[in-house]
N, C-alpha and C. Protein backbone atom coordinates (compact mmCIF):
# COMPACT_ATOMS: atom_id res chain seq x y z
N MET A 1 3.44 -17.89 7.63
CA MET A 1 3.59 -16.48 7.91
C MET A 1 3.61 -15.72 6.59
N PRO A 2 2.79 -14.70 6.47
CA PRO A 2 2.80 -13.91 5.25
C PRO A 2 4.05 -13.04 5.16
N ARG A 3 4.50 -12.80 3.93
CA ARG A 3 5.68 -11.95 3.74
C ARG A 3 5.36 -10.50 4.00
N LYS A 4 4.14 -10.09 3.69
CA LYS A 4 3.73 -8.71 3.92
C LYS A 4 2.45 -8.70 4.73
N GLY A 5 2.22 -7.61 5.43
CA GLY A 5 0.98 -7.47 6.17
C GLY A 5 1.06 -8.09 7.55
N LEU A 6 -0.05 -8.06 8.21
CA LEU A 6 -0.14 -8.56 9.57
C LEU A 6 -0.64 -9.99 9.60
N VAL A 7 -0.26 -10.68 10.62
CA VAL A 7 -0.78 -12.03 10.84
C VAL A 7 -2.07 -11.90 11.62
N ARG A 8 -3.12 -12.50 11.13
CA ARG A 8 -4.40 -12.44 11.82
C ARG A 8 -4.48 -13.58 12.82
N LYS A 9 -4.76 -13.24 14.04
CA LYS A 9 -4.92 -14.24 15.09
C LYS A 9 -6.38 -14.67 15.10
N ILE A 10 -6.60 -15.95 15.19
CA ILE A 10 -7.96 -16.47 15.24
C ILE A 10 -8.42 -16.46 16.69
N GLU A 11 -9.52 -15.81 16.94
CA GLU A 11 -10.08 -15.75 18.29
C GLU A 11 -10.84 -17.04 18.57
N VAL A 12 -10.54 -17.65 19.68
CA VAL A 12 -11.20 -18.89 20.07
C VAL A 12 -12.24 -18.56 21.13
N GLY A 13 -13.46 -19.06 20.93
CA GLY A 13 -14.50 -18.86 21.93
C GLY A 13 -14.29 -19.78 23.11
N GLY A 14 -15.02 -19.55 24.17
CA GLY A 14 -14.90 -20.38 25.35
C GLY A 14 -15.52 -21.75 25.16
N ASP A 15 -15.17 -22.67 26.03
CA ASP A 15 -15.76 -24.01 25.95
C ASP A 15 -17.16 -23.96 26.54
N PRO A 16 -18.01 -24.96 26.24
CA PRO A 16 -19.40 -24.90 26.70
C PRO A 16 -19.59 -25.05 28.21
N HIS A 17 -18.68 -25.74 28.88
CA HIS A 17 -18.88 -26.03 30.30
C HIS A 17 -18.38 -24.91 31.21
N PHE A 18 -17.14 -24.46 31.01
CA PHE A 18 -16.54 -23.45 31.89
C PHE A 18 -16.54 -22.06 31.26
N ASN A 19 -16.84 -21.95 29.98
CA ASN A 19 -16.78 -20.71 29.23
C ASN A 19 -15.38 -20.09 29.33
N SER A 20 -14.36 -20.94 29.23
CA SER A 20 -12.97 -20.52 29.37
C SER A 20 -12.25 -20.68 28.04
N VAL A 21 -11.56 -19.63 27.63
CA VAL A 21 -10.78 -19.68 26.40
C VAL A 21 -9.58 -20.62 26.57
N LEU A 22 -9.01 -20.67 27.78
CA LEU A 22 -7.87 -21.54 28.05
C LEU A 22 -8.24 -23.01 27.84
N VAL A 23 -9.41 -23.39 28.31
CA VAL A 23 -9.87 -24.78 28.15
C VAL A 23 -10.12 -25.08 26.67
N ALA A 24 -10.73 -24.12 25.96
CA ALA A 24 -11.01 -24.33 24.53
C ALA A 24 -9.71 -24.49 23.74
N LYS A 25 -8.70 -23.70 24.06
CA LYS A 25 -7.42 -23.82 23.37
C LYS A 25 -6.75 -25.14 23.70
N PHE A 26 -6.85 -25.57 24.96
CA PHE A 26 -6.26 -26.84 25.35
C PHE A 26 -6.93 -27.99 24.61
N MET A 27 -8.24 -27.95 24.50
CA MET A 27 -8.94 -29.01 23.77
C MET A 27 -8.57 -29.00 22.29
N ASN A 28 -8.37 -27.80 21.72
CA ASN A 28 -7.96 -27.72 20.33
C ASN A 28 -6.57 -28.31 20.14
N CYS A 29 -5.67 -28.13 21.11
CA CYS A 29 -4.33 -28.72 21.02
C CYS A 29 -4.38 -30.23 21.19
N MET A 30 -5.30 -30.70 22.01
CA MET A 30 -5.43 -32.13 22.27
C MET A 30 -6.05 -32.87 21.08
N MET A 31 -6.82 -32.16 20.29
CA MET A 31 -7.60 -32.77 19.22
C MET A 31 -6.70 -33.32 18.11
N TRP A 32 -7.03 -34.52 17.63
CA TRP A 32 -6.37 -35.12 16.47
C TRP A 32 -7.40 -35.33 15.38
N SER A 33 -7.06 -34.99 14.16
CA SER A 33 -7.90 -35.21 12.97
C SER A 33 -9.28 -34.57 13.09
N GLY A 34 -9.37 -33.45 13.75
CA GLY A 34 -10.63 -32.72 13.83
C GLY A 34 -11.68 -33.34 14.73
N LYS A 35 -11.30 -34.26 15.59
CA LYS A 35 -12.27 -34.95 16.45
C LYS A 35 -12.43 -34.20 17.76
N LYS A 36 -13.14 -33.08 17.70
CA LYS A 36 -13.29 -32.25 18.89
C LYS A 36 -14.16 -32.93 19.95
N GLY A 37 -15.13 -33.71 19.53
CA GLY A 37 -15.97 -34.42 20.50
C GLY A 37 -15.17 -35.40 21.34
N VAL A 38 -14.22 -36.07 20.71
CA VAL A 38 -13.36 -37.01 21.44
C VAL A 38 -12.47 -36.25 22.41
N ALA A 39 -11.91 -35.13 21.95
CA ALA A 39 -11.04 -34.33 22.81
C ALA A 39 -11.83 -33.79 24.00
N ARG A 40 -13.05 -33.34 23.75
CA ARG A 40 -13.90 -32.82 24.83
C ARG A 40 -14.21 -33.92 25.84
N HIS A 41 -14.51 -35.10 25.34
CA HIS A 41 -14.82 -36.25 26.20
C HIS A 41 -13.61 -36.60 27.07
N ILE A 42 -12.42 -36.61 26.48
CA ILE A 42 -11.21 -36.93 27.23
C ILE A 42 -10.94 -35.87 28.30
N PHE A 43 -11.06 -34.58 27.93
CA PHE A 43 -10.74 -33.52 28.88
C PHE A 43 -11.71 -33.53 30.06
N TYR A 44 -13.00 -33.59 29.78
CA TYR A 44 -13.97 -33.59 30.88
C TYR A 44 -13.87 -34.88 31.71
N GLY A 45 -13.49 -36.00 31.06
CA GLY A 45 -13.24 -37.23 31.82
C GLY A 45 -12.05 -37.07 32.75
N ALA A 46 -11.02 -36.36 32.29
CA ALA A 46 -9.85 -36.11 33.14
C ALA A 46 -10.25 -35.24 34.33
N LEU A 47 -11.10 -34.24 34.11
CA LEU A 47 -11.55 -33.40 35.22
C LEU A 47 -12.39 -34.20 36.21
N ASP A 48 -13.19 -35.15 35.70
CA ASP A 48 -13.95 -36.02 36.61
C ASP A 48 -13.00 -36.90 37.44
N GLU A 49 -11.93 -37.39 36.80
CA GLU A 49 -10.93 -38.18 37.54
C GLU A 49 -10.28 -37.35 38.64
N ILE A 50 -9.98 -36.09 38.33
CA ILE A 50 -9.37 -35.20 39.33
C ILE A 50 -10.36 -34.96 40.47
N ARG A 51 -11.64 -34.78 40.13
CA ARG A 51 -12.67 -34.56 41.15
C ARG A 51 -12.78 -35.78 42.07
N ASN A 52 -12.65 -36.98 41.49
CA ASN A 52 -12.72 -38.20 42.30
C ASN A 52 -11.49 -38.37 43.19
N LYS A 53 -10.31 -38.02 42.65
CA LYS A 53 -9.07 -38.18 43.41
C LYS A 53 -8.91 -37.12 44.49
N MET A 54 -9.31 -35.89 44.17
CA MET A 54 -9.12 -34.76 45.08
C MET A 54 -10.46 -34.06 45.29
N PRO A 55 -11.34 -34.62 46.11
CA PRO A 55 -12.69 -34.05 46.25
C PRO A 55 -12.70 -32.67 46.90
N ASP A 56 -11.65 -32.33 47.62
CA ASP A 56 -11.63 -31.03 48.31
C ASP A 56 -11.21 -29.89 47.41
N GLN A 57 -10.72 -30.18 46.18
CA GLN A 57 -10.26 -29.13 45.27
C GLN A 57 -11.10 -29.08 44.01
N ASP A 58 -11.21 -27.87 43.44
CA ASP A 58 -11.93 -27.67 42.19
C ASP A 58 -11.05 -28.15 41.03
N PRO A 59 -11.53 -29.05 40.16
CA PRO A 59 -10.70 -29.57 39.07
C PRO A 59 -10.25 -28.48 38.09
N PHE A 60 -11.09 -27.47 37.87
CA PHE A 60 -10.72 -26.39 36.97
C PHE A 60 -9.55 -25.58 37.55
N GLU A 61 -9.56 -25.38 38.86
CA GLU A 61 -8.45 -24.68 39.51
C GLU A 61 -7.17 -25.52 39.45
N VAL A 62 -7.29 -26.84 39.57
CA VAL A 62 -6.13 -27.72 39.45
C VAL A 62 -5.56 -27.61 38.04
N PHE A 63 -6.44 -27.57 37.03
CA PHE A 63 -6.00 -27.42 35.64
C PHE A 63 -5.26 -26.10 35.45
N LYS A 64 -5.84 -25.01 35.95
CA LYS A 64 -5.20 -23.69 35.80
C LYS A 64 -3.85 -23.64 36.53
N GLN A 65 -3.79 -24.23 37.71
CA GLN A 65 -2.54 -24.26 38.47
C GLN A 65 -1.48 -25.08 37.75
N ALA A 66 -1.90 -26.19 37.12
CA ALA A 66 -0.95 -27.02 36.37
C ALA A 66 -0.37 -26.25 35.20
N ILE A 67 -1.22 -25.53 34.46
CA ILE A 67 -0.74 -24.73 33.33
C ILE A 67 0.22 -23.65 33.83
N GLU A 68 -0.14 -23.00 34.92
CA GLU A 68 0.71 -21.93 35.47
C GLU A 68 2.07 -22.47 35.91
N ASN A 69 2.09 -23.68 36.48
CA ASN A 69 3.35 -24.26 36.95
C ASN A 69 4.24 -24.73 35.80
N VAL A 70 3.65 -25.11 34.68
CA VAL A 70 4.43 -25.67 33.58
C VAL A 70 4.94 -24.58 32.63
N LYS A 71 4.33 -23.41 32.64
CA LYS A 71 4.72 -22.35 31.70
C LYS A 71 6.19 -21.95 31.91
N PRO A 72 7.00 -21.99 30.84
CA PRO A 72 8.41 -21.59 30.99
C PRO A 72 8.57 -20.08 30.90
N ARG A 73 9.51 -19.55 31.64
CA ARG A 73 9.80 -18.11 31.59
C ARG A 73 10.94 -17.83 30.60
N LEU A 74 11.89 -18.76 30.49
CA LEU A 74 13.05 -18.60 29.60
C LEU A 74 13.19 -19.83 28.71
N GLU A 75 13.77 -19.62 27.55
CA GLU A 75 14.14 -20.72 26.67
C GLU A 75 15.37 -20.30 25.88
N VAL A 76 16.03 -21.26 25.23
CA VAL A 76 17.19 -20.93 24.41
C VAL A 76 16.81 -21.01 22.94
N LYS A 77 17.38 -20.08 22.17
CA LYS A 77 17.18 -20.09 20.72
C LYS A 77 18.55 -20.12 20.06
N PRO A 78 18.75 -20.99 19.08
CA PRO A 78 20.05 -21.02 18.41
C PRO A 78 20.20 -19.81 17.49
N LYS A 79 21.38 -19.21 17.52
CA LYS A 79 21.66 -18.06 16.66
C LYS A 79 23.06 -18.26 16.08
N ARG A 80 23.16 -18.15 14.77
CA ARG A 80 24.45 -18.33 14.09
C ARG A 80 25.14 -16.98 13.99
N ILE A 81 26.31 -16.91 14.57
CA ILE A 81 27.10 -15.68 14.55
C ILE A 81 28.53 -16.04 14.17
N GLY A 82 28.96 -15.59 13.01
CA GLY A 82 30.35 -15.79 12.57
C GLY A 82 30.77 -17.24 12.47
N GLY A 83 29.91 -18.09 11.98
CA GLY A 83 30.27 -19.49 11.78
C GLY A 83 30.03 -20.38 12.98
N ALA A 84 29.70 -19.79 14.12
CA ALA A 84 29.42 -20.58 15.32
C ALA A 84 27.94 -20.41 15.68
N VAL A 85 27.37 -21.45 16.21
CA VAL A 85 25.97 -21.41 16.62
C VAL A 85 25.93 -21.33 18.14
N TYR A 86 25.34 -20.25 18.65
CA TYR A 86 25.23 -20.03 20.08
C TYR A 86 23.79 -20.28 20.52
N GLN A 87 23.63 -20.87 21.69
CA GLN A 87 22.31 -21.03 22.30
C GLN A 87 22.08 -19.80 23.17
N ILE A 88 21.19 -18.94 22.73
CA ILE A 88 20.99 -17.66 23.41
C ILE A 88 19.72 -17.73 24.24
N PRO A 89 19.80 -17.47 25.55
CA PRO A 89 18.58 -17.47 26.37
C PRO A 89 17.72 -16.25 26.08
N MET A 90 16.42 -16.48 25.95
CA MET A 90 15.48 -15.40 25.68
C MET A 90 14.24 -15.60 26.54
N GLU A 91 13.58 -14.49 26.83
CA GLU A 91 12.30 -14.57 27.53
C GLU A 91 11.25 -15.09 26.58
N VAL A 92 10.27 -15.79 27.11
CA VAL A 92 9.22 -16.39 26.30
C VAL A 92 7.98 -15.51 26.38
N LYS A 93 7.38 -15.23 25.22
CA LYS A 93 6.15 -14.44 25.20
C LYS A 93 5.00 -15.24 25.79
N GLN A 94 3.97 -14.54 26.21
CA GLN A 94 2.84 -15.16 26.93
C GLN A 94 2.16 -16.24 26.08
N ASN A 95 1.91 -15.96 24.81
CA ASN A 95 1.22 -16.95 23.96
C ASN A 95 2.06 -18.21 23.80
N ARG A 96 3.36 -18.04 23.64
CA ARG A 96 4.24 -19.20 23.49
C ARG A 96 4.37 -19.97 24.80
N GLN A 97 4.34 -19.27 25.94
CA GLN A 97 4.37 -19.96 27.23
C GLN A 97 3.20 -20.93 27.34
N ILE A 98 2.02 -20.45 26.98
CA ILE A 98 0.83 -21.29 27.08
C ILE A 98 0.91 -22.45 26.10
N ALA A 99 1.37 -22.17 24.86
CA ALA A 99 1.48 -23.22 23.85
C ALA A 99 2.47 -24.29 24.28
N LEU A 100 3.61 -23.88 24.82
CA LEU A 100 4.59 -24.86 25.28
C LEU A 100 4.06 -25.67 26.46
N ALA A 101 3.34 -25.01 27.38
CA ALA A 101 2.77 -25.73 28.52
C ALA A 101 1.78 -26.79 28.04
N PHE A 102 0.91 -26.42 27.10
CA PHE A 102 -0.04 -27.39 26.55
C PHE A 102 0.71 -28.56 25.91
N ARG A 103 1.70 -28.25 25.08
CA ARG A 103 2.44 -29.28 24.35
C ARG A 103 3.14 -30.23 25.31
N TRP A 104 3.79 -29.69 26.35
CA TRP A 104 4.53 -30.52 27.29
C TRP A 104 3.59 -31.38 28.13
N LEU A 105 2.46 -30.83 28.56
CA LEU A 105 1.50 -31.62 29.35
C LEU A 105 0.92 -32.76 28.51
N LEU A 106 0.54 -32.45 27.27
CA LEU A 106 -0.07 -33.48 26.43
C LEU A 106 0.95 -34.56 26.04
N SER A 107 2.17 -34.17 25.73
CA SER A 107 3.15 -35.19 25.36
C SER A 107 3.51 -36.05 26.56
N ALA A 108 3.58 -35.46 27.75
CA ALA A 108 3.86 -36.25 28.95
C ALA A 108 2.73 -37.23 29.23
N ALA A 109 1.48 -36.78 29.04
CA ALA A 109 0.34 -37.68 29.26
C ALA A 109 0.30 -38.78 28.20
N ARG A 110 0.59 -38.43 26.96
CA ARG A 110 0.54 -39.43 25.89
C ARG A 110 1.64 -40.47 26.02
N ASN A 111 2.78 -40.10 26.60
CA ASN A 111 3.90 -41.04 26.72
C ASN A 111 3.75 -42.00 27.89
N LYS A 112 2.79 -41.77 28.78
CA LYS A 112 2.56 -42.71 29.87
C LYS A 112 1.90 -43.96 29.32
N LYS A 113 2.06 -45.05 30.03
CA LYS A 113 1.53 -46.33 29.56
C LYS A 113 0.44 -46.85 30.48
N GLY A 114 -0.48 -47.64 29.91
CA GLY A 114 -1.30 -48.49 30.71
C GLY A 114 -2.70 -48.08 31.09
N SER A 115 -3.17 -46.89 30.77
CA SER A 115 -4.54 -46.54 31.15
C SER A 115 -5.15 -45.66 30.07
N THR A 116 -6.36 -45.21 30.30
CA THR A 116 -7.02 -44.38 29.30
C THR A 116 -6.38 -42.99 29.27
N MET A 117 -6.61 -42.29 28.18
CA MET A 117 -6.03 -40.95 28.03
C MET A 117 -6.56 -40.00 29.10
N ALA A 118 -7.82 -40.15 29.47
CA ALA A 118 -8.39 -39.28 30.50
C ALA A 118 -7.68 -39.49 31.83
N GLN A 119 -7.39 -40.75 32.18
CA GLN A 119 -6.68 -41.03 33.43
C GLN A 119 -5.25 -40.53 33.38
N LYS A 120 -4.58 -40.73 32.24
CA LYS A 120 -3.20 -40.26 32.10
C LYS A 120 -3.13 -38.74 32.18
N LEU A 121 -4.09 -38.07 31.53
CA LEU A 121 -4.12 -36.60 31.57
C LEU A 121 -4.43 -36.10 32.98
N ALA A 122 -5.35 -36.76 33.67
CA ALA A 122 -5.67 -36.38 35.05
C ALA A 122 -4.44 -36.54 35.95
N ASN A 123 -3.71 -37.64 35.79
CA ASN A 123 -2.50 -37.85 36.60
C ASN A 123 -1.47 -36.78 36.32
N GLU A 124 -1.27 -36.44 35.05
CA GLU A 124 -0.26 -35.44 34.70
C GLU A 124 -0.67 -34.05 35.20
N LEU A 125 -1.95 -33.73 35.12
CA LEU A 125 -2.42 -32.43 35.61
C LEU A 125 -2.26 -32.32 37.13
N THR A 126 -2.60 -33.38 37.86
CA THR A 126 -2.45 -33.32 39.31
C THR A 126 -0.98 -33.24 39.71
N GLU A 127 -0.12 -33.99 39.01
CA GLU A 127 1.31 -33.91 39.31
C GLU A 127 1.86 -32.52 39.00
N ALA A 128 1.44 -31.94 37.89
CA ALA A 128 1.93 -30.61 37.51
C ALA A 128 1.42 -29.55 38.47
N SER A 129 0.22 -29.72 39.00
CA SER A 129 -0.28 -28.74 39.96
C SER A 129 0.49 -28.81 41.28
N LYS A 130 1.11 -29.97 41.55
CA LYS A 130 1.96 -30.13 42.74
C LYS A 130 3.43 -29.92 42.43
N GLU A 131 3.73 -29.43 41.23
CA GLU A 131 5.09 -29.18 40.74
C GLU A 131 5.93 -30.45 40.72
N GLN A 132 5.34 -31.51 40.13
CA GLN A 132 6.03 -32.77 39.93
C GLN A 132 5.70 -33.23 38.51
N GLY A 133 6.28 -34.33 38.08
CA GLY A 133 5.90 -34.94 36.82
C GLY A 133 6.82 -34.58 35.66
N ALA A 134 6.53 -35.19 34.52
CA ALA A 134 7.39 -35.06 33.34
C ALA A 134 7.34 -33.67 32.73
N ALA A 135 6.18 -33.02 32.75
CA ALA A 135 6.06 -31.69 32.16
C ALA A 135 6.86 -30.67 32.97
N ILE A 136 6.84 -30.78 34.28
CA ILE A 136 7.62 -29.89 35.14
C ILE A 136 9.11 -30.14 34.93
N LYS A 137 9.49 -31.41 34.73
CA LYS A 137 10.89 -31.73 34.47
C LYS A 137 11.35 -31.09 33.17
N LYS A 138 10.49 -31.09 32.15
CA LYS A 138 10.81 -30.46 30.87
C LYS A 138 11.03 -28.96 31.05
N LYS A 139 10.17 -28.33 31.86
CA LYS A 139 10.32 -26.90 32.13
C LYS A 139 11.63 -26.63 32.85
N GLU A 140 11.94 -27.43 33.85
CA GLU A 140 13.18 -27.24 34.61
C GLU A 140 14.41 -27.45 33.74
N ASP A 141 14.36 -28.43 32.82
CA ASP A 141 15.47 -28.65 31.90
C ASP A 141 15.66 -27.44 30.98
N THR A 142 14.57 -26.86 30.52
CA THR A 142 14.64 -25.68 29.66
C THR A 142 15.24 -24.51 30.42
N HIS A 143 14.82 -24.30 31.65
CA HIS A 143 15.36 -23.21 32.47
C HIS A 143 16.84 -23.45 32.79
N ARG A 144 17.19 -24.70 33.05
CA ARG A 144 18.59 -25.03 33.34
C ARG A 144 19.48 -24.75 32.13
N MET A 145 18.97 -25.08 30.94
CA MET A 145 19.72 -24.81 29.70
C MET A 145 19.90 -23.31 29.50
N ALA A 146 18.86 -22.54 29.78
CA ALA A 146 18.96 -21.08 29.64
C ALA A 146 19.94 -20.51 30.66
N GLU A 147 19.93 -21.05 31.87
CA GLU A 147 20.85 -20.57 32.91
C GLU A 147 22.29 -20.92 32.56
N ALA A 148 22.51 -22.08 31.96
CA ALA A 148 23.86 -22.49 31.59
C ALA A 148 24.43 -21.62 30.48
N ASN A 149 23.57 -21.11 29.61
CA ASN A 149 24.00 -20.28 28.49
C ASN A 149 23.80 -18.80 28.75
N LYS A 150 23.72 -18.42 30.01
CA LYS A 150 23.49 -17.02 30.36
C LYS A 150 24.62 -16.12 29.86
N ALA A 151 25.81 -16.67 29.67
CA ALA A 151 26.95 -15.87 29.21
C ALA A 151 26.73 -15.32 27.81
N PHE A 152 25.86 -15.96 27.02
CA PHE A 152 25.62 -15.52 25.65
C PHE A 152 24.42 -14.59 25.52
N ALA A 153 23.85 -14.15 26.64
CA ALA A 153 22.65 -13.31 26.60
C ALA A 153 22.91 -11.98 25.90
N HIS A 154 24.14 -11.49 25.96
CA HIS A 154 24.44 -10.21 25.31
C HIS A 154 24.36 -10.30 23.79
N LEU A 155 24.35 -11.51 23.22
CA LEU A 155 24.25 -11.68 21.77
C LEU A 155 22.83 -11.64 21.26
N ALA A 156 21.86 -11.49 22.14
CA ALA A 156 20.45 -11.52 21.73
C ALA A 156 20.08 -10.34 20.85
N LYS A 157 20.81 -9.24 20.93
CA LYS A 157 20.44 -8.07 20.15
C LYS A 157 20.85 -8.17 18.70
N TYR A 158 21.73 -9.13 18.33
CA TYR A 158 22.18 -9.23 16.96
C TYR A 158 21.13 -9.83 16.06
């Protein structure tokens, strides 16, 4: 972050298949060591797995529904006030909601064992679209923590 001036946001173009900025950002988050071709192969393989498992639903719509279900509305931020650290619940901005949803979905898929990344990602996306799975549990834990610390919400203005 620069000390002076504005932060320039990099505009991401759409992906070649769906022309969606959301998909392009997800692939960029999935990518390791600049291997975008590998990330693209994994993502489209996961969508093919979803198409095979759920032929009556559009895989892109399942992906969008999974992201929408995993996005957190509230989170807690630690704030030091008078020698004590309080966990203060705050609303999450739209860009951070999407970033957290991507991070939670990918970490949940990576932590599963026993199959290819495309299959693990497809399983996590289908579970998240049905409001199940590890990423949804992470969101619920975050919301539960914010609800438990609701008494400190008045300290957010400091």
